Amino acid sequence: MGNISPLYHDVKLLCAVTSDNHIDSKHPAPKVPMWFLTQSLKDSAKSRVPMDVYLTIGDTTSHGSAENWELAKRCFDKCRPAKHIFLTVGNHDLWNDDGYETAERNYLQYSNAICGTDHTKTWFSHNVNGYKLIFLGNTQDAGCEAHLGEEQLAWLRQELDGADGKPAFVFCHQSLNGRHGLPRTWDRNESATDPMEGGVGTESEALERILKAHKNVFYFSGHSHMGLCGEKRMQEEGYASFEHEDGLTLINLPSQACGNHHGDDRSMGIGVIIEVYEDKVVIRPRNFAKHTMNRKVAIKDGKPYWEQRI
């Protein structure tokens, strides 16, 4: 156990990332997901080098209701984990008994209040310490899939063009179709067969083309509630939490507070730390609830973390 500390000296950008907190007033024990969220906030706040960014990759709430967001806000009100806070929208954040528009309005209202932003759309970008952080959102109700739309895809292309080859970090709740063992790993019982299940959906190929047309892009997702999978899982099953294809790096995060499956480490509380240096990007899984870095799952080159030269 110990406070977060960068792996190397002179870190340029330091981010804490979690996904799928699923804060829910109707949860059998609502304080459980709130506890996991609070632990990640407190752990990030105690970083030995001040955290630049704390962000989530969607499904901060389970139903997108004002009641759920109030519980989430209560957690953030108790602790400021970083200089900047950003909340990617997830499909559960856009599900509400009162309809999609109400859920979208709740997301914008509460995420702006929590983060101190003034976003008017569910997609947005921020430049932090000279690096692009790009957050994708929905343009309409799409069920479990994403719906990006032509306007957002064109915007993403412009944002990545503006990164000038420097590392750019794209956050979308859903992974690209067929990655990280999808569609099989979408279903705990491995019965999913639709190639689009668990992924972005019909726009996955268009999104992939844009991402691969640019250098040093890191694409982060959640959604599938898959545990931490490393080199062993890749060798045996053909998929992992960290995958690299045609210059594009794909990272899928476990659910922080809602249970996981298909993983070498299925613990709750797991997220990642992003460390950007002059010549490399390091991404290290961390159990924020136990205040420990991953040590037992080999991620790349026999090491318990991902390191990539840029």
C-alpha atoms as a PDB file:
ATOM      1  CA  MET A   1       0.000   0.000   0.000  1.00  0.00           C
ATOM      2  CA  GLY A   2       1.154   3.544  -0.659  1.00  0.00           C
ATOM      3  CA  ASN A   3       0.424   6.858  -2.262  1.00  0.00           C
ATOM      4  CA  ILE A   4       0.482   7.215  -6.043  1.00  0.00           C
ATOM      5  CA  SER A   5       3.940   8.076  -7.314  1.00  0.00           C
ATOM      6  CA  PRO A   6       4.985   8.434 -10.993  1.00  0.00           C
ATOM      7  CA  LEU A   7       7.235   5.686 -12.311  1.00  0.00           C
ATOM      8  CA  TYR A   8       9.828   8.162 -13.644  1.00  0.00           C
ATOM      9  CA  HIS A   9      10.963  11.714 -12.954  1.00  0.00           C
ATOM     10  CA  ASP A  10       9.676  14.814 -14.739  1.00  0.00           C
ATOM     11  CA  VAL A  11       6.167  13.625 -15.578  1.00  0.00           C
ATOM     12  CA  LYS A  12       4.435  16.054 -17.959  1.00  0.00           C
ATOM     13  CA  LEU A  13       0.836  14.902 -17.423  1.00  0.00           C
ATOM     14  CA  LEU A  14      -0.613  12.753 -14.636  1.00  0.00           C
ATOM     15  CA  CYS A  15      -4.181  11.425 -14.813  1.00  0.00           C
ATOM     16  CA  ALA A  16      -6.311   9.048 -12.761  1.00  0.00           C
ATOM     17  CA  VAL A  17      -8.949   7.174 -14.767  1.00  0.00           C
ATOM     18  CA  THR A  18     -11.882   5.042 -13.590  1.00  0.00           C
ATOM     19  CA  SER A  19     -15.023   3.722 -15.249  1.00  0.00           C
ATOM     20  CA  ASP A  20     -18.454   2.309 -14.468  1.00  0.00           C
ATOM     21  CA  ASN A  21     -19.012   3.537 -10.939  1.00  0.00           C
ATOM     22  CA  HIS A  22     -22.779   2.984 -11.281  1.00  0.00           C
ATOM     23  CA  ILE A  23     -23.891   5.227  -8.423  1.00  0.00           C
ATOM     24  CA  ASP A  24     -27.490   4.198  -7.790  1.00  0.00           C
ATOM     25  CA  SER A  25     -30.041   5.328  -5.225  1.00  0.00           C
ATOM     26  CA  LYS A  26     -31.907   2.052  -5.880  1.00  0.00           C
ATOM     27  CA  HIS A  27     -28.846  -0.145  -5.332  1.00  0.00           C
ATOM     28  CA  PRO A  28     -29.447  -2.738  -2.565  1.00  0.00           C
ATOM     29  CA  ALA A  29     -26.598  -1.020  -0.724  1.00  0.00           C
ATOM     30  CA  PRO A  30     -26.154   2.469  -2.267  1.00  0.00           C
ATOM     31  CA  LYS A  31     -23.140   3.235  -0.109  1.00  0.00           C
ATOM     32  CA  VAL A  32     -21.082   0.468  -1.757  1.00  0.00           C
ATOM     33  CA  PRO A  33     -20.526   2.147  -5.182  1.00  0.00           C
ATOM     34  CA  MET A  34     -20.259   5.484  -3.396  1.00  0.00           C
ATOM     35  CA  TRP A  35     -17.478   4.036  -1.235  1.00  0.00           C
ATOM     36  CA  PHE A  36     -15.507   2.824  -4.254  1.00  0.00           C
ATOM     37  CA  LEU A  37     -15.843   6.209  -5.953  1.00  0.00           C
ATOM     38  CA  THR A  38     -14.828   8.045  -2.799  1.00  0.00           C
ATOM     39  CA  GLN A  39     -11.786   5.808  -2.339  1.00  0.00           C
ATOM     40  CA  SER A  40     -10.554   6.585  -5.852  1.00  0.00           C
ATOM     41  CA  LEU A  41     -11.019  10.309  -5.223  1.00  0.00           C
ATOM     42  CA  LYS A  42      -9.138  10.201  -1.920  1.00  0.00           C
ATOM     43  CA  ASP A  43      -6.384   8.018  -3.350  1.00  0.00           C
ATOM     44  CA  SER A  44      -5.877  10.415  -6.266  1.00  0.00           C
ATOM     45  CA  ALA A  45      -5.854  13.430  -3.963  1.00  0.00           C
ATOM     46  CA  LYS A  46      -2.951  11.909  -1.997  1.00  0.00           C
ATOM     47  CA  SER A  47      -0.719  11.478  -5.041  1.00  0.00           C
ATOM     48  CA  ARG A  48       2.889  12.403  -4.247  1.00  0.00           C
ATOM     49  CA  VAL A  49       2.910  14.487  -7.433  1.00  0.00           C
ATOM     50  CA  PRO A  50      -0.321  16.507  -7.652  1.00  0.00           C
ATOM     51  CA  MET A  51      -2.782  14.863 -10.025  1.00  0.00           C
ATOM     52  CA  ASP A  52      -3.518  16.950 -13.125  1.00  0.00           C
ATOM     53  CA  VAL A  53      -6.733  15.151 -14.101  1.00  0.00           C
ATOM     54  CA  TYR A  54      -9.255  12.803 -12.571  1.00  0.00           C
ATOM     55  CA  LEU A  55     -11.731  11.429 -15.082  1.00  0.00           C
ATOM     56  CA  THR A  56     -14.317   8.716 -15.566  1.00  0.00           C
ATOM     57  CA  ILE A  57     -15.200   6.847 -18.768  1.00  0.00           C
ATOM     58  CA  GLY A  58     -18.960   6.778 -18.319  1.00  0.00           C
ATOM     59  CA  ASP A  59     -21.705   5.185 -16.265  1.00  0.00           C
ATOM     60  CA  THR A  60     -20.941   7.342 -13.275  1.00  0.00           C
ATOM     61  CA  THR A  61     -24.602   6.658 -12.483  1.00  0.00           C
ATOM     62  CA  SER A  62     -26.861   3.691 -13.186  1.00  0.00           C
ATOM     63  CA  HIS A  63     -29.979   5.561 -14.326  1.00  0.00           C
ATOM     64  CA  GLY A  64     -29.021   9.179 -14.973  1.00  0.00           C
ATOM     65  CA  SER A  65     -31.569  10.461 -12.491  1.00  0.00           C
ATOM     66  CA  ALA A  66     -31.147  13.604 -10.405  1.00  0.00           C
ATOM     67  CA  GLU A  67     -31.217  11.371  -7.307  1.00  0.00           C
ATOM     68  CA  ASN A  68     -28.271   9.332  -8.590  1.00  0.00           C
ATOM     69  CA  TRP A  69     -26.315  12.402  -9.614  1.00  0.00           C
ATOM     70  CA  GLU A  70     -26.884  13.972  -6.196  1.00  0.00           C
ATOM     71  CA  LEU A  71     -25.229  10.934  -4.618  1.00  0.00           C
ATOM     72  CA  ALA A  72     -22.302  11.168  -7.037  1.00  0.00           C
ATOM     73  CA  LYS A  73     -21.936  14.899  -6.400  1.00  0.00           C
ATOM     74  CA  ARG A  74     -21.884  14.231  -2.677  1.00  0.00           C
ATOM     75  CA  CYS A  75     -18.780  12.079  -3.198  1.00  0.00           C
ATOM     76  CA  PHE A  76     -17.009  14.737  -5.268  1.00  0.00           C
ATOM     77  CA  ASP A  77     -17.987  17.502  -2.843  1.00  0.00           C
ATOM     78  CA  LYS A  78     -16.003  15.747  -0.113  1.00  0.00           C
ATOM     79  CA  CYS A  79     -12.736  15.554  -2.038  1.00  0.00           C
ATOM     80  CA  ARG A  80     -11.017  17.409  -4.864  1.00  0.00           C
ATOM     81  CA  PRO A  81      -8.855  14.676  -6.460  1.00  0.00           C
ATOM     82  CA  ALA A  82      -7.096  16.743  -9.154  1.00  0.00           C
ATOM     83  CA  LYS A  83      -6.751  20.143 -10.777  1.00  0.00           C
ATOM     84  CA  HIS A  84      -9.252  19.061 -13.447  1.00  0.00           C
ATOM     85  CA  ILE A  85     -12.202  16.662 -13.303  1.00  0.00           C
ATOM     86  CA  PHE A  86     -13.969  15.320 -16.406  1.00  0.00           C
ATOM     87  CA  LEU A  87     -16.848  12.859 -16.639  1.00  0.00           C
ATOM     88  CA  THR A  88     -17.369  10.982 -19.905  1.00  0.00           C
ATOM     89  CA  VAL A  89     -21.017  10.151 -20.533  1.00  0.00           C
ATOM     90  CA  GLY A  90     -22.077   6.484 -20.567  1.00  0.00           C
ATOM     91  CA  ASN A  91     -25.166   4.681 -21.755  1.00  0.00           C
ATOM     92  CA  HIS A  92     -26.474   4.292 -18.192  1.00  0.00           C
ATOM     93  CA  ASP A  93     -26.028   8.042 -17.620  1.00  0.00           C
ATOM     94  CA  LEU A  94     -28.473   8.541 -20.507  1.00  0.00           C
ATOM     95  CA  TRP A  95     -31.091   6.056 -19.290  1.00  0.00           C
ATOM     96  CA  ASN A  96     -33.875   7.596 -17.242  1.00  0.00           C
ATOM     97  CA  ASP A  97     -37.516   6.810 -16.470  1.00  0.00           C
ATOM     98  CA  ASP A  98     -38.334  10.334 -17.697  1.00  0.00           C
ATOM     99  CA  GLY A  99     -36.641   9.823 -21.063  1.00  0.00           C
ATOM    100  CA  TYR A 100     -33.388  10.504 -22.883  1.00  0.00           C
ATOM    101  CA  GLU A 101     -33.653  14.295 -22.950  1.00  0.00           C
ATOM    102  CA  THR A 102     -34.095  14.473 -19.181  1.00  0.00           C
ATOM    103  CA  ALA A 103     -31.116  12.169 -18.646  1.00  0.00           C
ATOM    104  CA  GLU A 104     -28.952  14.214 -21.015  1.00  0.00           C
ATOM    105  CA  ARG A 105     -29.962  17.415 -19.216  1.00  0.00           C
ATOM    106  CA  ASN A 106     -29.145  15.832 -15.842  1.00  0.00           C
ATOM    107  CA  TYR A 107     -25.738  14.727 -17.106  1.00  0.00           C
ATOM    108  CA  LEU A 108     -24.839  18.187 -18.404  1.00  0.00           C
ATOM    109  CA  GLN A 109     -26.123  19.944 -15.299  1.00  0.00           C
ATOM    110  CA  TYR A 110     -24.400  17.735 -12.772  1.00  0.00           C
ATOM    111  CA  SER A 111     -21.168  17.054 -14.650  1.00  0.00           C
ATOM    112  CA  ASN A 112     -20.716  20.797 -15.158  1.00  0.00           C
ATOM    113  CA  ALA A 113     -21.390  21.399 -11.468  1.00  0.00           C
ATOM    114  CA  ILE A 114     -18.969  18.661 -10.386  1.00  0.00           C
ATOM    115  CA  CYS A 115     -16.234  19.534 -12.885  1.00  0.00           C
ATOM    116  CA  GLY A 116     -16.588  23.317 -12.973  1.00  0.00           C
ATOM    117  CA  THR A 117     -17.162  23.251 -16.739  1.00  0.00           C
ATOM    118  CA  ASP A 118     -19.794  24.764 -19.027  1.00  0.00           C
ATOM    119  CA  HIS A 119     -20.260  22.023 -21.619  1.00  0.00           C
ATOM    120  CA  THR A 120     -23.404  22.193 -23.756  1.00  0.00           C
ATOM    121  CA  LYS A 121     -22.858  18.830 -25.479  1.00  0.00           C
ATOM    122  CA  THR A 122     -22.006  15.357 -24.272  1.00  0.00           C
ATOM    123  CA  TRP A 123     -18.762  15.495 -26.289  1.00  0.00           C
ATOM    124  CA  PHE A 124     -15.940  17.939 -25.610  1.00  0.00           C
ATOM    125  CA  SER A 125     -12.163  18.288 -25.429  1.00  0.00           C
ATOM    126  CA  HIS A 126      -9.640  19.953 -23.156  1.00  0.00           C
ATOM    127  CA  ASN A 127      -5.966  20.744 -23.539  1.00  0.00           C
ATOM    128  CA  VAL A 128      -4.119  19.977 -20.304  1.00  0.00           C
ATOM    129  CA  ASN A 129      -0.382  20.687 -20.058  1.00  0.00           C
ATOM    130  CA  GLY A 130      -0.202  20.735 -23.847  1.00  0.00           C
ATOM    131  CA  TYR A 131      -1.921  17.369 -24.409  1.00  0.00           C
ATOM    132  CA  LYS A 132      -5.347  16.732 -25.931  1.00  0.00           C
ATOM    133  CA  LEU A 133      -7.978  14.928 -23.874  1.00  0.00           C
ATOM    134  CA  ILE A 134     -10.988  14.175 -26.069  1.00  0.00           C
ATOM    135  CA  PHE A 135     -14.299  12.901 -24.713  1.00  0.00           C
ATOM    136  CA  LEU A 136     -16.866  11.311 -27.012  1.00  0.00           C
ATOM    137  CA  GLY A 137     -20.603  11.343 -26.280  1.00  0.00           C
ATOM    138  CA  ASN A 138     -23.981  10.515 -27.750  1.00  0.00           C
ATOM    139  CA  THR A 139     -26.104  12.580 -30.092  1.00  0.00           C
ATOM    140  CA  GLN A 140     -29.248  10.511 -29.467  1.00  0.00           C
ATOM    141  CA  ASP A 141     -30.516   7.486 -27.566  1.00  0.00           C
ATOM    142  CA  ALA A 142     -28.696   4.416 -28.895  1.00  0.00           C
ATOM    143  CA  GLY A 143     -29.375   1.821 -26.213  1.00  0.00           C
ATOM    144  CA  CYS A 144     -26.177   0.058 -25.177  1.00  0.00           C
ATOM    145  CA  GLU A 145     -24.282   1.322 -28.226  1.00  0.00           C
ATOM    146  CA  ALA A 146     -22.912   4.769 -28.959  1.00  0.00           C
ATOM    147  CA  HIS A 147     -24.354   7.181 -31.496  1.00  0.00           C
ATOM    148  CA  LEU A 148     -21.660   9.645 -32.539  1.00  0.00           C
ATOM    149  CA  GLY A 149     -23.083  11.214 -35.695  1.00  0.00           C
ATOM    150  CA  GLU A 150     -21.321  12.889 -38.608  1.00  0.00           C
ATOM    151  CA  GLU A 151     -20.864  16.208 -36.803  1.00  0.00           C
ATOM    152  CA  GLN A 152     -19.040  14.630 -33.879  1.00  0.00           C
ATOM    153  CA  LEU A 153     -16.881  12.408 -36.088  1.00  0.00           C
ATOM    154  CA  ALA A 154     -15.829  15.431 -38.160  1.00  0.00           C
ATOM    155  CA  TRP A 155     -15.080  17.304 -34.939  1.00  0.00           C
ATOM    156  CA  LEU A 156     -12.960  14.407 -33.666  1.00  0.00           C
ATOM    157  CA  ARG A 157     -10.919  14.413 -36.862  1.00  0.00           C
ATOM    158  CA  GLN A 158     -10.205  18.126 -36.431  1.00  0.00           C
ATOM    159  CA  GLU A 159      -9.282  17.648 -32.774  1.00  0.00           C
ATOM    160  CA  LEU A 160      -6.778  14.908 -33.609  1.00  0.00           C
ATOM    161  CA  ASP A 161      -5.381  16.958 -36.498  1.00  0.00           C
ATOM    162  CA  GLY A 162      -4.699  19.657 -33.929  1.00  0.00           C
ATOM    163  CA  ALA A 163      -2.692  17.317 -31.709  1.00  0.00           C
ATOM    164  CA  ASP A 164       0.248  17.580 -34.150  1.00  0.00           C
ATOM    165  CA  GLY A 165       1.430  14.046 -33.468  1.00  0.00           C
ATOM    166  CA  LYS A 166       1.728  14.522 -29.724  1.00  0.00           C
ATOM    167  CA  PRO A 167       0.005  11.877 -27.581  1.00  0.00           C
ATOM    168  CA  ALA A 168      -3.760  12.352 -27.714  1.00  0.00           C
ATOM    169  CA  PHE A 169      -6.140  10.585 -25.358  1.00  0.00           C
ATOM    170  CA  VAL A 170      -9.643   9.704 -26.517  1.00  0.00           C
ATOM    171  CA  PHE A 171     -12.264   8.550 -24.029  1.00  0.00           C
ATOM    172  CA  CYS A 172     -15.446   6.802 -25.121  1.00  0.00           C
ATOM    173  CA  HIS A 173     -17.599   4.583 -22.941  1.00  0.00           C
ATOM    174  CA  GLN A 174     -17.816   1.841 -25.567  1.00  0.00           C
ATOM    175  CA  SER A 175     -14.808   0.102 -27.112  1.00  0.00           C
ATOM    176  CA  LEU A 176     -14.384  -0.474 -30.824  1.00  0.00           C
ATOM    177  CA  ASN A 177     -16.371  -3.461 -32.062  1.00  0.00           C
ATOM    178  CA  GLY A 178     -14.605  -6.798 -31.758  1.00  0.00           C
ATOM    179  CA  ARG A 179     -11.803  -5.612 -29.470  1.00  0.00           C
ATOM    180  CA  HIS A 180     -10.954  -6.911 -25.986  1.00  0.00           C
ATOM    181  CA  GLY A 181     -12.607 -10.226 -26.778  1.00  0.00           C
ATOM    182  CA  LEU A 182     -15.936  -8.752 -27.853  1.00  0.00           C
ATOM    183  CA  PRO A 183     -18.610  -9.808 -28.472  1.00  0.00           C
ATOM    184  CA  ARG A 184     -17.996 -12.932 -26.360  1.00  0.00           C
ATOM    185  CA  THR A 185     -16.701 -10.981 -23.360  1.00  0.00           C
ATOM    186  CA  TRP A 186     -19.800  -8.771 -23.390  1.00  0.00           C
ATOM    187  CA  ASP A 187     -21.740 -11.655 -21.863  1.00  0.00           C
ATOM    188  CA  ARG A 188     -20.702 -13.346 -18.622  1.00  0.00           C
ATOM    189  CA  ASN A 189     -21.979 -16.638 -20.104  1.00  0.00           C
ATOM    190  CA  GLU A 190     -20.158 -16.080 -23.410  1.00  0.00           C
ATOM    191  CA  SER A 191     -23.369 -16.352 -25.424  1.00  0.00           C
ATOM    192  CA  ALA A 192     -23.095 -13.022 -27.249  1.00  0.00           C
ATOM    193  CA  THR A 193     -22.583 -13.485 -30.989  1.00  0.00           C
ATOM    194  CA  ASP A 194     -23.552 -10.198 -32.682  1.00  0.00           C
ATOM    195  CA  PRO A 195     -20.247  -8.580 -33.864  1.00  0.00           C
ATOM    196  CA  MET A 196     -21.461  -5.191 -32.638  1.00  0.00           C
ATOM    197  CA  GLU A 197     -22.440  -6.292 -29.125  1.00  0.00           C
ATOM    198  CA  GLY A 198     -20.575  -4.470 -26.379  1.00  0.00           C
ATOM    199  CA  GLY A 199     -18.925  -2.044 -28.789  1.00  0.00           C
ATOM    200  CA  VAL A 200     -19.547   1.362 -30.350  1.00  0.00           C
ATOM    201  CA  GLY A 201     -21.964  -0.151 -32.844  1.00  0.00           C
ATOM    202  CA  THR A 202     -22.637   0.844 -36.446  1.00  0.00           C
ATOM    203  CA  GLU A 203     -20.134   3.730 -36.438  1.00  0.00           C
ATOM    204  CA  SER A 204     -17.213   1.700 -35.103  1.00  0.00           C
ATOM    205  CA  GLU A 205     -15.439   1.376 -38.465  1.00  0.00           C
ATOM    206  CA  ALA A 206     -15.732   5.099 -39.196  1.00  0.00           C
ATOM    207  CA  LEU A 207     -14.365   5.916 -35.741  1.00  0.00           C
ATOM    208  CA  GLU A 208     -11.527   3.432 -36.159  1.00  0.00           C
ATOM    209  CA  ARG A 209     -10.442   4.977 -39.467  1.00  0.00           C
ATOM    210  CA  ILE A 210     -10.180   8.409 -37.873  1.00  0.00           C
ATOM    211  CA  LEU A 211      -8.210   7.122 -34.902  1.00  0.00           C
ATOM    212  CA  LYS A 212      -5.759   5.134 -37.030  1.00  0.00           C
ATOM    213  CA  ALA A 213      -5.141   8.081 -39.346  1.00  0.00           C
ATOM    214  CA  HIS A 214      -3.291   9.852 -36.529  1.00  0.00           C
ATOM    215  CA  LYS A 215      -0.137   9.073 -34.567  1.00  0.00           C
ATOM    216  CA  ASN A 216       0.132   8.425 -30.832  1.00  0.00           C
ATOM    217  CA  VAL A 217      -3.576   7.997 -30.150  1.00  0.00           C
ATOM    218  CA  PHE A 218      -4.669   6.199 -26.979  1.00  0.00           C
ATOM    219  CA  TYR A 219      -8.321   5.125 -26.919  1.00  0.00           C
ATOM    220  CA  PHE A 220      -9.898   4.334 -23.548  1.00  0.00           C
ATOM    221  CA  SER A 221     -13.201   2.549 -22.950  1.00  0.00           C
ATOM    222  CA  GLY A 222     -15.186   0.799 -20.217  1.00  0.00           C
ATOM    223  CA  HIS A 223     -18.721  -0.578 -20.562  1.00  0.00           C
ATOM    224  CA  SER A 224     -18.018  -4.327 -20.761  1.00  0.00           C
ATOM    225  CA  HIS A 225     -17.236  -4.816 -17.044  1.00  0.00           C
ATOM    226  CA  MET A 226     -14.321  -7.042 -17.963  1.00  0.00           C
ATOM    227  CA  GLY A 227     -11.606  -7.565 -15.373  1.00  0.00           C
ATOM    228  CA  LEU A 228      -7.937  -6.732 -15.863  1.00  0.00           C
ATOM    229  CA  CYS A 229      -6.525  -9.009 -18.601  1.00  0.00           C
ATOM    230  CA  GLY A 230      -2.845  -9.195 -19.485  1.00  0.00           C
ATOM    231  CA  GLU A 231      -0.335 -11.056 -21.643  1.00  0.00           C
ATOM    232  CA  LYS A 232      -1.419 -14.483 -20.412  1.00  0.00           C
ATOM    233  CA  ARG A 233      -5.024 -13.866 -21.458  1.00  0.00           C
ATOM    234  CA  MET A 234      -3.815 -12.614 -24.850  1.00  0.00           C
ATOM    235  CA  GLN A 235      -1.769 -15.765 -25.409  1.00  0.00           C
ATOM    236  CA  GLU A 236      -4.528 -18.109 -24.289  1.00  0.00           C
ATOM    237  CA  GLU A 237      -7.689 -16.324 -25.477  1.00  0.00           C
ATOM    238  CA  GLY A 238      -6.530 -13.738 -28.015  1.00  0.00           C
ATOM    239  CA  TYR A 239      -7.576 -10.589 -26.157  1.00  0.00           C
ATOM    240  CA  ALA A 240      -6.408  -8.328 -23.336  1.00  0.00           C
ATOM    241  CA  SER A 241      -7.241  -5.068 -21.560  1.00  0.00           C
ATOM    242  CA  PHE A 242      -4.402  -3.368 -23.461  1.00  0.00           C
ATOM    243  CA  GLU A 243      -4.240  -3.963 -27.218  1.00  0.00           C
ATOM    244  CA  HIS A 244      -2.172  -2.319 -29.967  1.00  0.00           C
ATOM    245  CA  GLU A 245      -3.143  -2.397 -33.629  1.00  0.00           C
ATOM    246  CA  ASP A 246      -1.787  -0.420 -36.594  1.00  0.00           C
ATOM    247  CA  GLY A 247      -0.336   2.228 -34.290  1.00  0.00           C
ATOM    248  CA  LEU A 248      -3.517   2.616 -32.242  1.00  0.00           C
ATOM    249  CA  THR A 249      -3.442   1.734 -28.542  1.00  0.00           C
ATOM    250  CA  LEU A 250      -6.713   0.496 -27.015  1.00  0.00           C
ATOM    251  CA  ILE A 251      -7.307   0.299 -23.262  1.00  0.00           C
ATOM    252  CA  ASN A 252     -10.436  -1.159 -21.692  1.00  0.00           C
ATOM    253  CA  LEU A 253     -11.058  -0.505 -17.989  1.00  0.00           C
ATOM    254  CA  PRO A 254     -12.836  -2.773 -15.521  1.00  0.00           C
ATOM    255  CA  SER A 255     -15.927  -1.610 -13.713  1.00  0.00           C
ATOM    256  CA  GLN A 256     -14.794   0.177 -10.588  1.00  0.00           C
ATOM    257  CA  ALA A 257     -17.851  -0.694  -8.480  1.00  0.00           C
ATOM    258  CA  CYS A 258     -20.168  -3.114 -10.283  1.00  0.00           C
ATOM    259  CA  GLY A 259     -18.410  -6.475 -10.557  1.00  0.00           C
ATOM    260  CA  ASN A 260     -16.240  -7.874 -13.366  1.00  0.00           C
ATOM    261  CA  HIS A 261     -15.794 -11.036 -15.407  1.00  0.00           C
ATOM    262  CA  HIS A 262     -13.403 -12.572 -17.962  1.00  0.00           C
ATOM    263  CA  GLY A 263     -10.349 -11.199 -16.202  1.00  0.00           C
ATOM    264  CA  ASP A 264      -7.071 -12.309 -14.634  1.00  0.00           C
ATOM    265  CA  ASP A 265      -7.936  -9.832 -11.869  1.00  0.00           C
ATOM    266  CA  ARG A 266     -11.669  -9.301 -11.439  1.00  0.00           C
ATOM    267  CA  SER A 267     -11.450  -7.068  -8.377  1.00  0.00           C
ATOM    268  CA  MET A 268     -13.539  -3.957  -8.041  1.00  0.00           C
ATOM    269  CA  GLY A 269     -11.708  -0.691  -7.454  1.00  0.00           C
ATOM    270  CA  ILE A 270      -9.390  -1.000 -10.482  1.00  0.00           C
ATOM    271  CA  GLY A 271      -8.611   1.950 -12.747  1.00  0.00           C
ATOM    272  CA  VAL A 272      -5.445   3.255 -14.380  1.00  0.00           C
ATOM    273  CA  ILE A 273      -2.894   6.006 -13.960  1.00  0.00           C
ATOM    274  CA  ILE A 274      -1.731   7.771 -17.140  1.00  0.00           C
ATOM    275  CA  GLU A 275       1.791   9.194 -17.007  1.00  0.00           C
ATOM    276  CA  VAL A 276       3.059  11.212 -19.963  1.00  0.00           C
ATOM    277  CA  TYR A 277       6.754  11.948 -20.353  1.00  0.00           C
ATOM    278  CA  GLU A 278       8.785  13.680 -23.033  1.00  0.00           C
ATOM    279  CA  ASP A 279       9.518  10.421 -24.849  1.00  0.00           C
ATOM    280  CA  LYS A 280       6.969   7.888 -23.593  1.00  0.00           C
ATOM    281  CA  VAL A 281       3.519   7.180 -22.213  1.00  0.00           C
ATOM    282  CA  VAL A 282       3.123   4.865 -19.222  1.00  0.00           C
ATOM    283  CA  ILE A 283      -0.276   3.460 -18.214  1.00  0.00           C
ATOM    284  CA  ARG A 284      -0.386   1.621 -14.897  1.00  0.00           C
ATOM    285  CA  PRO A 285      -3.383  -0.260 -13.507  1.00  0.00           C
ATOM    286  CA  ARG A 286      -4.137   0.639  -9.915  1.00  0.00           C
ATOM    287  CA  ASN A 287      -6.555  -0.649  -7.327  1.00  0.00           C
ATOM    288  CA  PHE A 288      -7.724   2.644  -5.853  1.00  0.00           C
ATOM    289  CA  ALA A 289      -9.643   0.879  -3.089  1.00  0.00           C
ATOM    290  CA  LYS A 290      -6.560  -0.998  -1.866  1.00  0.00           C
ATOM    291  CA  HIS A 291      -4.141   1.857  -2.691  1.00  0.00           C
ATOM    292  CA  THR A 292      -1.849  -0.472  -4.659  1.00  0.00           C
ATOM    293  CA  MET A 293      -0.454  -0.648  -8.167  1.00  0.00           C
ATOM    294  CA  ASN A 294      -0.999  -3.836 -10.143  1.00  0.00           C
ATOM    295  CA  ARG A 295       1.771  -6.335  -9.493  1.00  0.00           C
ATOM    296  CA  LYS A 296       0.302  -9.720 -10.373  1.00  0.00           C
ATOM    297  CA  VAL A 297      -0.951  -9.285 -13.968  1.00  0.00           C
ATOM    298  CA  ALA A 298       1.730  -8.865 -16.657  1.00  0.00           C
ATOM    299  CA  ILE A 299       0.505  -6.206 -19.077  1.00  0.00           C
ATOM    300  CA  LYS A 300       3.382  -5.775 -21.544  1.00  0.00           C
ATOM    301  CA  ASP A 301       6.872  -7.245 -21.869  1.00  0.00           C
ATOM    302  CA  GLY A 302       6.420  -9.110 -18.604  1.00  0.00           C
ATOM    303  CA  LYS A 303       5.817  -5.864 -16.724  1.00  0.00           C
ATOM    304  CA  PRO A 304       2.641  -5.035 -14.764  1.00  0.00           C
ATOM    305  CA  TYR A 305       2.088  -1.845 -16.776  1.00  0.00           C
ATOM    306  CA  TRP A 306       2.022  -0.550 -20.353  1.00  0.00           C
ATOM    307  CA  GLU A 307       4.945   1.551 -21.563  1.00  0.00           C
ATOM    308  CA  GLN A 308       5.089   2.986 -25.085  1.00  0.00           C
ATOM    309  CA  ARG A 309       7.695   5.157 -26.741  1.00  0.00           C
ATOM    310  CA  ILE A 310       6.391   8.208 -28.609  1.00  0.00           C
END
